[in-house]
């Protein structure tokens, strides 16, 4: 008995890695921007936190939508 679907398996893993990895990169970028901004302007922390929170919510919603589409494509 041999595993015959190596190519498909690697493609699946690659797509899943991109879907999970890209939001992580965006969250890291947003976090470093927030820390840098708060370090320079500590009195303006609240508006920047609200701005980053809204951006994080958008990243969360987009990544969930992409994962849901990915699951729907491979569930049938």
N, C-alpha and C. Protein backbone atom coordinates (compact mmCIF):
# COMPACT_ATOMS: atom_id res chain seq x y z
N UNK A 1 0.85 -1.18 0.00
CA UNK A 1 0.00 0.00 0.00
C UNK A 1 0.90 1.24 0.00
N UNK A 2 0.69 2.12 -0.98
CA UNK A 2 1.48 3.33 -1.16
C UNK A 2 0.58 4.54 -1.12
N UNK A 3 1.14 5.63 -0.66
CA UNK A 3 0.41 6.89 -0.70
C UNK A 3 0.60 7.51 -2.08
N UNK A 4 -0.51 7.79 -2.78
CA UNK A 4 -0.44 8.23 -4.18
C UNK A 4 -0.64 9.72 -4.37
N UNK A 5 -1.02 10.44 -3.35
CA UNK A 5 -1.43 11.83 -3.52
C UNK A 5 -0.44 12.81 -2.91
N UNK A 6 0.84 12.64 -3.19
CA UNK A 6 1.86 13.52 -2.64
C UNK A 6 1.69 14.94 -3.16
N UNK A 7 1.51 15.10 -4.44
CA UNK A 7 1.40 16.43 -5.04
C UNK A 7 0.18 17.17 -4.48
N UNK A 8 -0.95 16.50 -4.44
CA UNK A 8 -2.16 17.12 -3.92
C UNK A 8 -2.02 17.47 -2.44
N UNK A 9 -1.35 16.59 -1.70
CA UNK A 9 -1.12 16.86 -0.28
C UNK A 9 -0.25 18.08 -0.06
N UNK A 10 0.82 18.21 -0.84
CA UNK A 10 1.69 19.37 -0.71
C UNK A 10 0.99 20.66 -1.13
N UNK A 11 0.17 20.58 -2.16
CA UNK A 11 -0.60 21.75 -2.58
C UNK A 11 -1.58 22.16 -1.49
N UNK A 12 -2.25 21.19 -0.89
CA UNK A 12 -3.19 21.46 0.19
C UNK A 12 -2.48 22.11 1.38
N UNK A 13 -1.34 21.56 1.77
CA UNK A 13 -0.57 22.11 2.88
C UNK A 13 -0.08 23.52 2.55
N UNK A 14 0.37 23.74 1.32
CA UNK A 14 0.83 25.07 0.92
C UNK A 14 -0.27 26.11 0.96
N UNK A 15 -1.43 25.76 0.43
CA UNK A 15 -2.56 26.69 0.44
C UNK A 15 -2.98 26.99 1.87
N UNK A 16 -3.06 25.96 2.70
CA UNK A 16 -3.45 26.15 4.10
C UNK A 16 -2.42 27.01 4.84
N UNK A 17 -1.14 26.79 4.56
CA UNK A 17 -0.08 27.59 5.18
C UNK A 17 -0.21 29.06 4.80
N UNK A 18 -0.51 29.34 3.55
CA UNK A 18 -0.69 30.73 3.10
C UNK A 18 -1.92 31.34 3.77
N UNK A 19 -3.01 30.59 3.84
CA UNK A 19 -4.23 31.12 4.43
C UNK A 19 -4.03 31.43 5.92
N UNK A 20 -3.28 30.61 6.62
CA UNK A 20 -3.04 30.84 8.05
C UNK A 20 -1.87 31.79 8.27
N UNK A 21 -0.85 31.72 7.44
CA UNK A 21 0.36 32.51 7.65
C UNK A 21 0.21 33.98 7.33
N UNK A 22 -0.51 34.32 6.28
CA UNK A 22 -0.65 35.73 5.91
C UNK A 22 -1.34 36.57 6.98
N UNK A 23 -2.44 36.12 7.59
CA UNK A 23 -3.01 36.91 8.67
C UNK A 23 -2.06 37.07 9.86
N UNK A 24 -1.25 36.06 10.13
CA UNK A 24 -0.28 36.17 11.22
C UNK A 24 0.75 37.25 10.91
N UNK A 25 1.18 37.33 9.67
CA UNK A 25 2.14 38.37 9.28
C UNK A 25 1.50 39.75 9.41
N UNK A 26 0.25 39.90 8.95
CA UNK A 26 -0.44 41.18 9.07
C UNK A 26 -0.63 41.60 10.53
N UNK A 27 -0.95 40.65 11.39
CA UNK A 27 -1.11 40.96 12.81
C UNK A 27 0.23 41.39 13.41
N UNK A 28 1.29 40.74 13.03
CA UNK A 28 2.62 41.14 13.50
C UNK A 28 3.00 42.54 13.06
N UNK A 29 2.70 42.87 11.80
CA UNK A 29 2.99 44.22 11.29
C UNK A 29 2.18 45.26 12.03
N UNK A 30 0.88 44.99 12.22
CA UNK A 30 0.03 45.94 12.94
C UNK A 30 0.50 46.12 14.39
N UNK A 31 0.91 45.03 15.02
CA UNK A 31 1.39 45.11 16.40
C UNK A 31 2.67 45.92 16.53
N UNK A 32 3.60 45.74 15.60
CA UNK A 32 4.84 46.52 15.69
C UNK A 32 4.58 48.00 15.41
N UNK A 33 3.67 48.29 14.49
CA UNK A 33 3.31 49.69 14.25
C UNK A 33 2.69 50.32 15.48
N UNK A 34 1.82 49.57 16.16
CA UNK A 34 1.17 50.08 17.36
C UNK A 34 2.20 50.35 18.45
N UNK A 35 3.10 49.43 18.68
CA UNK A 35 4.12 49.62 19.70
C UNK A 35 5.03 50.80 19.37
N UNK A 36 5.42 50.93 18.10
CA UNK A 36 6.25 52.07 17.70
C UNK A 36 5.51 53.39 17.91
N UNK A 37 4.25 53.44 17.53
CA UNK A 37 3.47 54.68 17.66
C UNK A 37 3.27 55.05 19.12
N UNK A 38 2.96 54.06 19.94
CA UNK A 38 2.76 54.34 21.37
C UNK A 38 4.08 54.78 22.01
N UNK A 39 5.20 54.25 21.54
CA UNK A 39 6.50 54.67 22.07
C UNK A 39 6.82 56.12 21.74
N UNK A 40 6.36 56.59 20.58
CA UNK A 40 6.63 57.97 20.17
C UNK A 40 5.59 58.92 20.74
N UNK A 41 4.33 58.53 20.73
CA UNK A 41 3.23 59.39 21.19
C UNK A 41 2.43 58.67 22.28
N UNK A 42 2.93 58.61 23.52
CA UNK A 42 2.21 57.85 24.55
C UNK A 42 0.87 58.47 24.95
N UNK A 43 0.70 59.76 24.75
CA UNK A 43 -0.56 60.39 25.15
C UNK A 43 -1.69 60.11 24.14
N UNK A 44 -1.35 59.67 22.94
CA UNK A 44 -2.35 59.39 21.91
C UNK A 44 -2.57 57.89 21.74
N UNK A 45 -2.50 57.18 22.83
CA UNK A 45 -2.58 55.71 22.79
C UNK A 45 -3.97 55.21 22.42
N UNK A 46 -5.00 55.80 23.01
CA UNK A 46 -6.36 55.29 22.79
C UNK A 46 -6.82 55.36 21.34
N UNK A 47 -6.65 56.50 20.63
CA UNK A 47 -7.08 56.52 19.23
C UNK A 47 -6.34 55.50 18.36
N UNK A 48 -5.05 55.33 18.63
CA UNK A 48 -4.29 54.37 17.83
C UNK A 48 -4.72 52.94 18.15
N UNK A 49 -5.02 52.66 19.40
CA UNK A 49 -5.49 51.32 19.75
C UNK A 49 -6.83 51.02 19.07
N UNK A 50 -7.71 52.00 19.01
CA UNK A 50 -8.99 51.80 18.34
C UNK A 50 -8.78 51.56 16.85
N UNK A 51 -7.89 52.32 16.24
CA UNK A 51 -7.61 52.15 14.81
C UNK A 51 -7.05 50.75 14.52
N UNK A 52 -6.11 50.30 15.34
CA UNK A 52 -5.52 48.98 15.15
C UNK A 52 -6.55 47.88 15.43
N UNK A 53 -7.41 48.09 16.42
CA UNK A 53 -8.45 47.10 16.71
C UNK A 53 -9.38 46.92 15.52
N UNK A 54 -9.77 48.01 14.90
CA UNK A 54 -10.63 47.90 13.72
C UNK A 54 -9.92 47.18 12.57
N UNK A 55 -8.64 47.46 12.39
CA UNK A 55 -7.88 46.77 11.35
C UNK A 55 -7.75 45.28 11.67
N UNK A 56 -7.56 44.95 12.94
CA UNK A 56 -7.47 43.54 13.33
C UNK A 56 -8.80 42.81 13.11
N UNK A 57 -9.90 43.50 13.36
CA UNK A 57 -11.21 42.89 13.11
C UNK A 57 -11.39 42.60 11.63
N UNK A 58 -10.94 43.51 10.77
CA UNK A 58 -11.03 43.29 9.32
C UNK A 58 -10.16 42.10 8.91
N UNK A 59 -8.94 42.02 9.43
CA UNK A 59 -8.06 40.88 9.11
C UNK A 59 -8.70 39.58 9.59
N UNK A 60 -9.28 39.60 10.78
CA UNK A 60 -9.94 38.41 11.33
C UNK A 60 -11.11 37.97 10.44
N UNK A 61 -11.93 38.90 10.02
CA UNK A 61 -13.09 38.56 9.20
C UNK A 61 -12.67 38.02 7.83
N UNK A 62 -11.69 38.65 7.22
CA UNK A 62 -11.23 38.19 5.91
C UNK A 62 -10.60 36.80 6.01
N UNK A 63 -9.77 36.58 7.02
CA UNK A 63 -9.15 35.26 7.16
C UNK A 63 -10.18 34.18 7.47
N UNK A 64 -11.20 34.49 8.27
CA UNK A 64 -12.26 33.52 8.53
C UNK A 64 -13.03 33.20 7.26
N UNK A 65 -13.33 34.23 6.47
CA UNK A 65 -14.04 34.02 5.22
C UNK A 65 -13.24 33.14 4.27
N UNK A 66 -11.95 33.39 4.15
CA UNK A 66 -11.11 32.59 3.27
C UNK A 66 -11.03 31.14 3.77
N UNK A 67 -10.90 30.95 5.09
CA UNK A 67 -10.88 29.59 5.63
C UNK A 67 -12.21 28.88 5.41
N UNK A 68 -13.32 29.60 5.54
CA UNK A 68 -14.63 28.99 5.31
C UNK A 68 -14.78 28.57 3.85
N UNK A 69 -14.34 29.40 2.93
CA UNK A 69 -14.39 29.06 1.50
C UNK A 69 -13.49 27.86 1.22
N UNK A 70 -12.31 27.85 1.82
CA UNK A 70 -11.38 26.74 1.65
C UNK A 70 -11.99 25.45 2.17
N UNK A 71 -12.62 25.49 3.33
CA UNK A 71 -13.27 24.30 3.89
C UNK A 71 -14.42 23.85 2.98
N UNK A 72 -15.20 24.80 2.49
CA UNK A 72 -16.35 24.45 1.64
C UNK A 72 -15.88 23.81 0.33
N UNK A 73 -14.77 24.30 -0.22
CA UNK A 73 -14.26 23.73 -1.47
C UNK A 73 -13.84 22.27 -1.29
N UNK A 74 -13.22 21.95 -0.16
CA UNK A 74 -12.67 20.61 0.02
C UNK A 74 -13.58 19.68 0.82
N UNK A 75 -14.74 20.16 1.26
CA UNK A 75 -15.60 19.29 2.05
C UNK A 75 -16.45 18.37 1.18
N UNK A 76 -16.70 18.73 -0.06
CA UNK A 76 -17.55 17.89 -0.93
C UNK A 76 -16.74 16.89 -1.71
